């Protein structure tokens, strides 16, 4: 990762020189994302000033961010719950396998006992 990289992004047809701590490719993606939002707001009302377009876009982007954050938090919570359930099922499976092994050993012991009894006849 490069530090203090200077790159240009285009927003509403105007080039802006920005300094970022990330890759140029990532900054271009961010610029494209923001420009897309700006243009969507501008299409809805072409009489808005650039400042209003930027303000409304910022609010829309923040709204999307918080919706995604809430969805991610929900997914993390669900994933944690699934992991706990899987761990519980894994423990239960091991316990059942141990019981099966114990039963198999008991069956083997009983077969030996039967064989001994049959030999005594």
N, C-alpha and C. Protein backbone atom coordinates (compact mmCIF):
# COMPACT_ATOMS: atom_id res chain seq x y z
N UNK A 1 0.84 -1.17 0.00
CA UNK A 1 0.00 0.00 0.00
C UNK A 1 0.89 1.24 0.00
N UNK A 2 0.57 2.17 -0.86
CA UNK A 2 1.37 3.38 -0.96
C UNK A 2 0.87 4.41 0.04
N UNK A 3 1.77 5.30 0.43
CA UNK A 3 1.40 6.35 1.38
C UNK A 3 1.37 7.69 0.65
N UNK A 4 0.39 8.52 0.99
CA UNK A 4 0.26 9.87 0.45
C UNK A 4 0.37 9.90 -1.07
N UNK A 5 -0.39 9.09 -1.72
CA UNK A 5 -0.43 9.03 -3.17
C UNK A 5 -1.32 10.15 -3.69
N UNK A 6 -0.85 10.89 -4.66
CA UNK A 6 -1.66 11.95 -5.26
C UNK A 6 -2.28 11.41 -6.53
N UNK A 7 -3.58 11.56 -6.65
CA UNK A 7 -4.29 11.11 -7.85
C UNK A 7 -5.42 12.08 -8.15
N UNK A 8 -6.02 11.92 -9.30
CA UNK A 8 -7.14 12.78 -9.70
C UNK A 8 -8.40 11.94 -9.80
N UNK A 9 -9.48 12.56 -9.35
CA UNK A 9 -10.80 11.95 -9.54
C UNK A 9 -11.67 13.01 -10.20
N UNK A 10 -12.68 12.54 -10.93
CA UNK A 10 -13.58 13.45 -11.64
C UNK A 10 -14.96 13.35 -11.00
N UNK A 11 -15.46 14.51 -10.55
CA UNK A 11 -16.79 14.59 -9.95
C UNK A 11 -17.58 15.66 -10.69
N UNK A 12 -18.69 15.27 -11.25
CA UNK A 12 -19.54 16.17 -12.04
C UNK A 12 -18.74 16.91 -13.10
N UNK A 13 -17.83 16.21 -13.73
CA UNK A 13 -17.06 16.78 -14.82
C UNK A 13 -15.88 17.65 -14.40
N UNK A 14 -15.64 17.74 -13.13
CA UNK A 14 -14.52 18.56 -12.62
C UNK A 14 -13.48 17.62 -12.03
N UNK A 15 -12.23 17.84 -12.43
CA UNK A 15 -11.13 17.03 -11.89
C UNK A 15 -10.69 17.59 -10.55
N UNK A 16 -10.51 16.68 -9.60
CA UNK A 16 -10.02 17.04 -8.27
C UNK A 16 -8.75 16.25 -8.00
N UNK A 17 -7.75 16.93 -7.50
CA UNK A 17 -6.52 16.26 -7.10
C UNK A 17 -6.67 15.89 -5.63
N UNK A 18 -6.50 14.62 -5.35
CA UNK A 18 -6.66 14.14 -3.97
C UNK A 18 -5.43 13.37 -3.54
N UNK A 19 -5.17 13.41 -2.26
CA UNK A 19 -4.08 12.64 -1.68
C UNK A 19 -4.71 11.53 -0.86
N UNK A 20 -4.23 10.32 -1.07
CA UNK A 20 -4.81 9.19 -0.36
C UNK A 20 -3.71 8.28 0.16
N UNK A 21 -4.06 7.50 1.14
CA UNK A 21 -3.14 6.50 1.70
C UNK A 21 -3.43 5.12 1.12
N UNK A 22 -4.22 5.09 0.08
CA UNK A 22 -4.62 3.82 -0.51
C UNK A 22 -4.13 3.76 -1.94
N UNK A 23 -4.52 2.72 -2.65
CA UNK A 23 -4.08 2.58 -4.04
C UNK A 23 -4.85 3.55 -4.93
N UNK A 24 -4.24 3.90 -6.05
CA UNK A 24 -4.89 4.79 -7.02
C UNK A 24 -6.16 4.12 -7.55
N UNK A 25 -6.09 2.82 -7.79
CA UNK A 25 -7.26 2.09 -8.29
C UNK A 25 -8.43 2.20 -7.34
N UNK A 26 -8.16 2.05 -6.05
CA UNK A 26 -9.24 2.16 -5.06
C UNK A 26 -9.81 3.56 -5.03
N UNK A 27 -8.94 4.57 -5.10
CA UNK A 27 -9.41 5.96 -5.08
C UNK A 27 -10.25 6.25 -6.32
N UNK A 28 -9.89 5.67 -7.47
CA UNK A 28 -10.68 5.85 -8.69
C UNK A 28 -12.07 5.22 -8.52
N UNK A 29 -12.11 4.06 -7.89
CA UNK A 29 -13.40 3.41 -7.63
C UNK A 29 -14.27 4.29 -6.72
N UNK A 30 -13.64 4.85 -5.71
CA UNK A 30 -14.38 5.73 -4.79
C UNK A 30 -14.88 6.95 -5.54
N UNK A 31 -14.01 7.56 -6.35
CA UNK A 31 -14.41 8.73 -7.14
C UNK A 31 -15.57 8.40 -8.07
N UNK A 32 -15.50 7.25 -8.72
CA UNK A 32 -16.58 6.83 -9.62
C UNK A 32 -17.88 6.65 -8.83
N UNK A 33 -17.79 6.03 -7.67
CA UNK A 33 -18.96 5.79 -6.82
C UNK A 33 -19.61 7.12 -6.42
N UNK A 34 -18.79 8.06 -5.96
CA UNK A 34 -19.32 9.37 -5.53
C UNK A 34 -19.90 10.12 -6.73
N UNK A 35 -19.19 10.11 -7.85
CA UNK A 35 -19.67 10.80 -9.05
C UNK A 35 -21.00 10.22 -9.51
N UNK A 36 -21.14 8.92 -9.42
CA UNK A 36 -22.40 8.26 -9.79
C UNK A 36 -23.54 8.79 -8.92
N UNK A 37 -23.29 8.91 -7.63
CA UNK A 37 -24.32 9.45 -6.73
C UNK A 37 -24.62 10.91 -7.06
N UNK A 38 -23.59 11.68 -7.30
CA UNK A 38 -23.80 13.08 -7.66
C UNK A 38 -24.69 13.19 -8.89
N UNK A 39 -24.39 12.40 -9.91
CA UNK A 39 -25.16 12.46 -11.15
C UNK A 39 -26.59 11.97 -10.97
N UNK A 40 -26.80 10.99 -10.10
CA UNK A 40 -28.16 10.53 -9.83
C UNK A 40 -28.98 11.65 -9.18
N UNK A 41 -28.38 12.36 -8.22
CA UNK A 41 -29.08 13.47 -7.57
C UNK A 41 -29.32 14.59 -8.58
N UNK A 42 -28.34 14.88 -9.39
CA UNK A 42 -28.46 15.94 -10.39
C UNK A 42 -29.55 15.62 -11.41
N UNK A 43 -29.68 14.33 -11.80
CA UNK A 43 -30.72 13.93 -12.75
C UNK A 43 -32.12 14.14 -12.18
N UNK A 44 -32.25 13.95 -10.87
CA UNK A 44 -33.56 14.12 -10.24
C UNK A 44 -33.98 15.59 -10.18
N UNK A 45 -32.99 16.48 -10.06
CA UNK A 45 -33.30 17.91 -10.03
C UNK A 45 -32.10 18.69 -10.58
N UNK A 46 -32.17 19.02 -11.85
CA UNK A 46 -31.03 19.67 -12.52
C UNK A 46 -30.80 21.10 -12.06
N UNK A 47 -31.71 21.68 -11.29
CA UNK A 47 -31.56 23.07 -10.84
C UNK A 47 -30.79 23.19 -9.53
N UNK A 48 -30.41 22.04 -8.95
CA UNK A 48 -29.67 22.07 -7.68
C UNK A 48 -28.26 22.59 -7.89
N UNK A 49 -27.77 23.32 -6.90
CA UNK A 49 -26.39 23.77 -6.94
C UNK A 49 -25.46 22.59 -6.67
N UNK A 50 -24.21 22.77 -7.04
CA UNK A 50 -23.22 21.71 -6.79
C UNK A 50 -23.15 21.40 -5.30
N UNK A 51 -23.25 22.44 -4.46
CA UNK A 51 -23.21 22.23 -3.02
C UNK A 51 -24.39 21.38 -2.55
N UNK A 52 -25.58 21.66 -3.09
CA UNK A 52 -26.76 20.86 -2.70
C UNK A 52 -26.64 19.43 -3.22
N UNK A 53 -26.11 19.26 -4.43
CA UNK A 53 -25.91 17.92 -4.98
C UNK A 53 -24.95 17.15 -4.06
N UNK A 54 -23.86 17.80 -3.67
CA UNK A 54 -22.88 17.14 -2.79
C UNK A 54 -23.49 16.82 -1.44
N UNK A 55 -24.28 17.75 -0.89
CA UNK A 55 -24.89 17.53 0.42
C UNK A 55 -25.89 16.38 0.38
N UNK A 56 -26.78 16.39 -0.61
CA UNK A 56 -27.76 15.32 -0.71
C UNK A 56 -27.10 13.98 -1.00
N UNK A 57 -26.05 14.00 -1.82
CA UNK A 57 -25.32 12.76 -2.09
C UNK A 57 -24.67 12.23 -0.82
N UNK A 58 -24.10 13.13 -0.03
CA UNK A 58 -23.47 12.71 1.22
C UNK A 58 -24.50 12.06 2.14
N UNK A 59 -25.68 12.65 2.21
CA UNK A 59 -26.74 12.07 3.05
C UNK A 59 -27.16 10.70 2.51
N UNK A 60 -27.32 10.59 1.20
CA UNK A 60 -27.69 9.30 0.59
C UNK A 60 -26.62 8.24 0.82
N UNK A 61 -25.36 8.61 0.64
CA UNK A 61 -24.26 7.67 0.85
C UNK A 61 -24.20 7.24 2.31
N UNK A 62 -24.38 8.20 3.23
CA UNK A 62 -24.38 7.86 4.66
C UNK A 62 -25.53 6.92 4.99
N UNK A 63 -26.69 7.15 4.39
CA UNK A 63 -27.84 6.27 4.60
C UNK A 63 -27.52 4.85 4.12
N UNK A 64 -26.95 4.73 2.92
CA UNK A 64 -26.56 3.43 2.41
C UNK A 64 -25.53 2.77 3.32
N UNK A 65 -24.57 3.56 3.79
CA UNK A 65 -23.53 3.04 4.69
C UNK A 65 -24.15 2.44 5.95
N UNK A 66 -25.03 3.19 6.60
CA UNK A 66 -25.62 2.70 7.84
C UNK A 66 -26.53 1.49 7.61
N UNK A 67 -27.23 1.47 6.48
CA UNK A 67 -28.04 0.28 6.17
C UNK A 67 -27.13 -0.94 6.00
N UNK A 68 -26.04 -0.77 5.26
CA UNK A 68 -25.10 -1.88 5.06
C UNK A 68 -24.45 -2.30 6.37
N UNK A 69 -24.12 -1.31 7.19
CA UNK A 69 -23.50 -1.62 8.49
C UNK A 69 -24.46 -2.43 9.35
N UNK A 70 -25.72 -2.02 9.40
CA UNK A 70 -26.72 -2.77 10.17
C UNK A 70 -26.89 -4.18 9.62
N UNK A 71 -26.93 -4.29 8.28
CA UNK A 71 -27.07 -5.61 7.67
C UNK A 71 -25.86 -6.48 7.98
N UNK A 72 -24.67 -5.90 7.93
CA UNK A 72 -23.45 -6.65 8.26
C UNK A 72 -23.46 -7.09 9.71
N UNK A 73 -23.89 -6.22 10.61
CA UNK A 73 -23.95 -6.58 12.03
C UNK A 73 -24.93 -7.73 12.24
N UNK A 74 -26.05 -7.69 11.52
CA UNK A 74 -27.03 -8.77 11.61
C UNK A 74 -26.43 -10.08 11.09
N UNK A 75 -25.72 -10.00 9.97
CA UNK A 75 -25.09 -11.19 9.41
C UNK A 75 -24.01 -11.75 10.34
N UNK A 76 -23.25 -10.86 10.97
CA UNK A 76 -22.23 -11.31 11.93
C UNK A 76 -22.91 -12.02 13.10
N UNK A 77 -24.00 -11.44 13.59
CA UNK A 77 -24.73 -12.06 14.71
C UNK A 77 -25.28 -13.43 14.30
N UNK A 78 -25.87 -13.51 13.10
CA UNK A 78 -26.41 -14.79 12.63
C UNK A 78 -25.29 -15.80 12.45
N UNK A 79 -24.18 -15.36 11.88
CA UNK A 79 -23.04 -16.26 11.68
C UNK A 79 -22.53 -16.78 13.01
N UNK A 80 -22.42 -15.89 14.00
CA UNK A 80 -21.98 -16.31 15.33
C UNK A 80 -22.93 -17.35 15.91
N UNK A 81 -24.23 -17.13 15.72
CA UNK A 81 -25.21 -18.08 16.23
C UNK A 81 -25.08 -19.42 15.51
N UNK A 82 -24.89 -19.39 14.20
CA UNK A 82 -24.71 -20.63 13.44
C UNK A 82 -23.45 -21.37 13.89
N UNK A 83 -22.39 -20.62 14.14
CA UNK A 83 -21.15 -21.24 14.60
C UNK A 83 -21.38 -21.92 15.95
N UNK A 84 -22.07 -21.23 16.86
CA UNK A 84 -22.37 -21.82 18.18
C UNK A 84 -23.19 -23.09 18.02
N UNK A 85 -24.19 -23.03 17.13
CA UNK A 85 -25.03 -24.22 16.91
C UNK A 85 -24.21 -25.35 16.31
N UNK A 86 -23.34 -25.04 15.36
CA UNK A 86 -22.49 -26.07 14.76
C UNK A 86 -21.56 -26.69 15.80
N UNK A 87 -20.99 -25.84 16.66
CA UNK A 87 -20.12 -26.36 17.72
C UNK A 87 -20.90 -27.26 18.66
N UNK A 88 -22.13 -26.87 18.99
CA UNK A 88 -22.98 -27.69 19.85
C UNK A 88 -23.27 -29.03 19.18
N UNK A 89 -23.62 -28.99 17.89
CA UNK A 89 -23.91 -30.23 17.17
C UNK A 89 -22.66 -31.10 17.06
N UNK A 90 -21.52 -30.47 16.90
CA UNK A 90 -20.27 -31.23 16.83
C UNK A 90 -20.00 -31.94 18.16
N UNK A 91 -20.23 -31.23 19.28
CA UNK A 91 -20.06 -31.86 20.60
C UNK A 91 -21.04 -33.02 20.78
N UNK A 92 -22.30 -32.77 20.38
CA UNK A 92 -23.31 -33.82 20.51
C UNK A 92 -22.96 -35.02 19.63
N UNK A 93 -22.44 -34.76 18.43
CA UNK A 93 -22.04 -35.85 17.54
C UNK A 93 -20.92 -36.67 18.15
N UNK A 94 -19.94 -35.99 18.76
CA UNK A 94 -18.84 -36.69 19.42
C UNK A 94 -19.35 -37.52 20.59
N UNK A 95 -20.27 -36.96 21.36
CA UNK A 95 -20.85 -37.71 22.48
C UNK A 95 -21.59 -38.95 21.98
N UNK A 96 -22.36 -38.78 20.90
CA UNK A 96 -23.07 -39.93 20.34
C UNK A 96 -22.11 -40.96 19.78
N UNK A 97 -21.04 -40.50 19.14
CA UNK A 97 -20.05 -41.43 18.62
C UNK A 97 -19.39 -42.21 19.76
N UNK A 98 -19.12 -41.52 20.87
CA UNK A 98 -18.56 -42.20 22.04
C UNK A 98 -19.53 -43.26 22.57
N UNK A 99 -20.82 -42.93 22.59
CA UNK A 99 -21.81 -43.91 23.04
C UNK A 99 -21.87 -45.10 22.09
N UNK A 100 -21.81 -44.81 20.79
CA UNK A 100 -21.80 -45.90 19.80
C UNK A 100 -20.58 -46.78 20.01
N UNK A 101 -19.42 -46.15 20.23
CA UNK A 101 -18.19 -46.92 20.48
C UNK A 101 -18.33 -47.78 21.73
N UNK A 102 -18.92 -47.19 22.78
CA UNK A 102 -19.11 -47.94 24.02
C UNK A 102 -20.05 -49.13 23.77
N UNK A 103 -21.11 -48.90 23.01
CA UNK A 103 -22.06 -49.98 22.71
C UNK A 103 -21.38 -51.06 21.87
N UNK A 104 -20.56 -50.63 20.91
CA UNK A 104 -19.83 -51.61 20.08
C UNK A 104 -18.90 -52.44 20.95
N UNK A 105 -18.22 -51.79 21.90
CA UNK A 105 -17.34 -52.52 22.83
C UNK A 105 -18.14 -53.49 23.69
N UNK A 106 -19.30 -53.04 24.13
CA UNK A 106 -20.15 -53.91 24.95
C UNK A 106 -20.64 -55.11 24.14
N UNK A 107 -21.01 -54.87 22.89
CA UNK A 107 -21.43 -55.97 22.01
C UNK A 107 -20.28 -56.97 21.84
N UNK A 108 -19.09 -56.44 21.60
CA UNK A 108 -17.92 -57.31 21.43
C UNK A 108 -17.67 -58.11 22.71
N UNK A 109 -17.79 -57.45 23.87
CA UNK A 109 -17.59 -58.15 25.15
C UNK A 109 -18.63 -59.25 25.32
N UNK A 110 -19.88 -58.95 24.97
CA UNK A 110 -20.94 -59.94 25.10
C UNK A 110 -20.73 -61.11 24.13
N UNK A 111 -20.25 -60.83 22.92
CA UNK A 111 -19.96 -61.92 21.97
C UNK A 111 -18.89 -62.84 22.52
N UNK A 112 -17.87 -62.26 23.14
CA UNK A 112 -16.80 -63.06 23.75
C UNK A 112 -17.38 -63.90 24.89
N UNK A 113 -18.23 -63.27 25.68
CA UNK A 113 -18.86 -63.98 26.81
C UNK A 113 -19.71 -65.14 26.30
N UNK A 114 -20.47 -64.89 25.25
CA UNK A 114 -21.29 -65.96 24.66
C UNK A 114 -20.41 -67.09 24.15
N UNK A 115 -19.32 -66.72 23.47
CA UNK A 115 -18.40 -67.74 22.93
C UNK A 115 -17.82 -68.56 24.07
N UNK A 116 -17.46 -67.95 25.18
CA UNK A 116 -16.92 -68.68 26.33
C UNK A 116 -17.96 -69.64 26.90
N UNK A 117 -19.21 -69.14 27.01
CA UNK A 117 -20.27 -69.99 27.55
C UNK A 117 -20.56 -71.17 26.64
N UNK A 118 -20.54 -70.91 25.34
CA UNK A 118 -20.78 -72.01 24.40
C UNK A 118 -19.65 -73.05 24.46
N UNK A 119 -18.44 -72.63 24.73
CA UNK A 119 -17.32 -73.55 24.82
C UNK A 119 -17.43 -74.42 26.07
N UNK A 120 -18.10 -73.98 27.10
CA UNK A 120 -18.24 -74.72 28.35
C UNK A 120 -19.28 -75.85 28.21
N UNK A 121 -20.11 -75.78 27.27
CA UNK A 121 -21.17 -76.79 27.12
C UNK A 121 -20.64 -78.08 26.76
